[in-house]
């Protein structure tokens, strides 16, 4: 949990320098797990997760659960 003196936000995407070449999207699921994607993912039907073909999805990092997971989708800058 962050404190006022801790400038690190709870919602922080993985560093793009860690992304594999050609994996131009990342997103966080509601449980806090971040994934890299080769193709733009879509929200899962049941909510809480992003979906893409399994060959186009790769684990990126762990994070804190994010109730605003739907706003986490990022494209490589």
C-alpha atoms as a PDB file:
ATOM      1  CA  UNK A   1       0.000   0.000   0.000  1.00  0.00           C
ATOM      2  CA  UNK A   2       1.314   3.450  -0.841  1.00  0.00           C
ATOM      3  CA  UNK A   3       1.865   6.104   1.753  1.00  0.00           C
ATOM      4  CA  UNK A   4       1.913   9.863   1.077  1.00  0.00           C
ATOM      5  CA  UNK A   5       5.738   9.771   1.094  1.00  0.00           C
ATOM      6  CA  UNK A   6       5.834   6.922  -1.435  1.00  0.00           C
ATOM      7  CA  UNK A   7       5.668   8.353  -4.998  1.00  0.00           C
ATOM      8  CA  UNK A   8       5.247   4.951  -6.682  1.00  0.00           C
ATOM      9  CA  UNK A   9       1.665   4.537  -7.917  1.00  0.00           C
ATOM     10  CA  UNK A  10      -0.210   1.272  -7.343  1.00  0.00           C
ATOM     11  CA  UNK A  11      -1.177   1.316 -11.033  1.00  0.00           C
ATOM     12  CA  UNK A  12       2.092   1.109 -12.918  1.00  0.00           C
ATOM     13  CA  UNK A  13       2.605  -0.589 -16.253  1.00  0.00           C
ATOM     14  CA  UNK A  14       5.753  -2.633 -16.911  1.00  0.00           C
ATOM     15  CA  UNK A  15       8.650  -0.804 -18.540  1.00  0.00           C
ATOM     16  CA  UNK A  16       8.437  -0.990 -22.330  1.00  0.00           C
ATOM     17  CA  UNK A  17      12.162  -1.764 -22.510  1.00  0.00           C
ATOM     18  CA  UNK A  18      11.213  -5.214 -21.152  1.00  0.00           C
ATOM     19  CA  UNK A  19       8.646  -5.905 -23.878  1.00  0.00           C
ATOM     20  CA  UNK A  20       9.597  -8.402 -26.579  1.00  0.00           C
ATOM     21  CA  UNK A  21      10.076  -6.913 -30.039  1.00  0.00           C
ATOM     22  CA  UNK A  22       6.771  -6.772 -31.881  1.00  0.00           C
ATOM     23  CA  UNK A  23       4.663  -7.029 -28.740  1.00  0.00           C
ATOM     24  CA  UNK A  24       3.120  -3.575 -28.917  1.00  0.00           C
ATOM     25  CA  UNK A  25       0.332  -3.758 -26.338  1.00  0.00           C
ATOM     26  CA  UNK A  26       0.140  -4.320 -22.595  1.00  0.00           C
ATOM     27  CA  UNK A  27      -2.788  -4.494 -20.215  1.00  0.00           C
ATOM     28  CA  UNK A  28      -3.515  -5.431 -16.635  1.00  0.00           C
ATOM     29  CA  UNK A  29      -6.199  -7.886 -15.550  1.00  0.00           C
ATOM     30  CA  UNK A  30      -8.343  -7.149 -12.484  1.00  0.00           C
ATOM     31  CA  UNK A  31      -6.219  -9.561 -10.400  1.00  0.00           C
ATOM     32  CA  UNK A  32      -3.146  -7.368 -10.986  1.00  0.00           C
ATOM     33  CA  UNK A  33      -1.304  -9.465 -13.577  1.00  0.00           C
ATOM     34  CA  UNK A  34       0.132  -7.597 -16.569  1.00  0.00           C
ATOM     35  CA  UNK A  35       0.506  -9.179 -20.007  1.00  0.00           C
ATOM     36  CA  UNK A  36       2.235  -8.223 -23.249  1.00  0.00           C
ATOM     37  CA  UNK A  37       0.221  -8.662 -26.447  1.00  0.00           C
ATOM     38  CA  UNK A  38       1.235  -8.951 -30.096  1.00  0.00           C
ATOM     39  CA  UNK A  39      -2.283  -8.023 -31.226  1.00  0.00           C
ATOM     40  CA  UNK A  40      -4.638  -5.571 -29.542  1.00  0.00           C
ATOM     41  CA  UNK A  41      -6.540  -7.516 -26.863  1.00  0.00           C
ATOM     42  CA  UNK A  42     -10.245  -7.213 -26.118  1.00  0.00           C
ATOM     43  CA  UNK A  43     -12.026  -7.319 -22.745  1.00  0.00           C
ATOM     44  CA  UNK A  44     -13.083 -10.832 -21.785  1.00  0.00           C
ATOM     45  CA  UNK A  45     -16.814 -11.567 -21.889  1.00  0.00           C
ATOM     46  CA  UNK A  46     -16.979 -12.246 -18.146  1.00  0.00           C
ATOM     47  CA  UNK A  47     -15.028  -9.083 -17.301  1.00  0.00           C
ATOM     48  CA  UNK A  48     -11.834  -8.655 -15.318  1.00  0.00           C
ATOM     49  CA  UNK A  49      -9.461  -9.889 -18.009  1.00  0.00           C
ATOM     50  CA  UNK A  50      -8.073  -9.001 -21.416  1.00  0.00           C
ATOM     51  CA  UNK A  51      -8.128 -11.647 -24.127  1.00  0.00           C
ATOM     52  CA  UNK A  52      -6.094 -12.421 -27.211  1.00  0.00           C
ATOM     53  CA  UNK A  53      -5.076 -15.619 -28.972  1.00  0.00           C
ATOM     54  CA  UNK A  54      -2.799 -17.479 -26.538  1.00  0.00           C
ATOM     55  CA  UNK A  55       0.120 -17.200 -28.974  1.00  0.00           C
ATOM     56  CA  UNK A  56      -0.307 -13.414 -28.829  1.00  0.00           C
ATOM     57  CA  UNK A  57      -0.336 -13.112 -25.039  1.00  0.00           C
ATOM     58  CA  UNK A  58       2.673 -13.314 -22.713  1.00  0.00           C
ATOM     59  CA  UNK A  59       2.959 -12.724 -18.958  1.00  0.00           C
ATOM     60  CA  UNK A  60       4.741  -9.437 -18.187  1.00  0.00           C
ATOM     61  CA  UNK A  61       4.584  -8.666 -14.455  1.00  0.00           C
ATOM     62  CA  UNK A  62       2.647  -8.909 -11.215  1.00  0.00           C
ATOM     63  CA  UNK A  63       0.868  -5.928  -9.739  1.00  0.00           C
ATOM     64  CA  UNK A  64      -1.784  -5.085  -7.220  1.00  0.00           C
ATOM     65  CA  UNK A  65      -5.407  -5.927  -8.028  1.00  0.00           C
ATOM     66  CA  UNK A  66      -6.882  -3.179 -10.179  1.00  0.00           C
ATOM     67  CA  UNK A  67     -10.636  -2.510 -10.116  1.00  0.00           C
ATOM     68  CA  UNK A  68     -10.046  -0.119 -13.049  1.00  0.00           C
ATOM     69  CA  UNK A  69      -8.431  -2.854 -15.174  1.00  0.00           C
ATOM     70  CA  UNK A  70     -10.521  -1.775 -18.159  1.00  0.00           C
ATOM     71  CA  UNK A  71      -8.509   1.469 -18.338  1.00  0.00           C
ATOM     72  CA  UNK A  72      -5.118  -0.264 -18.291  1.00  0.00           C
ATOM     73  CA  UNK A  73      -4.673  -1.038 -22.006  1.00  0.00           C
ATOM     74  CA  UNK A  74      -1.533   0.654 -23.371  1.00  0.00           C
ATOM     75  CA  UNK A  75       0.090   0.749 -26.783  1.00  0.00           C
ATOM     76  CA  UNK A  76       3.869   0.881 -27.118  1.00  0.00           C
ATOM     77  CA  UNK A  77       4.942   4.537 -27.283  1.00  0.00           C
END
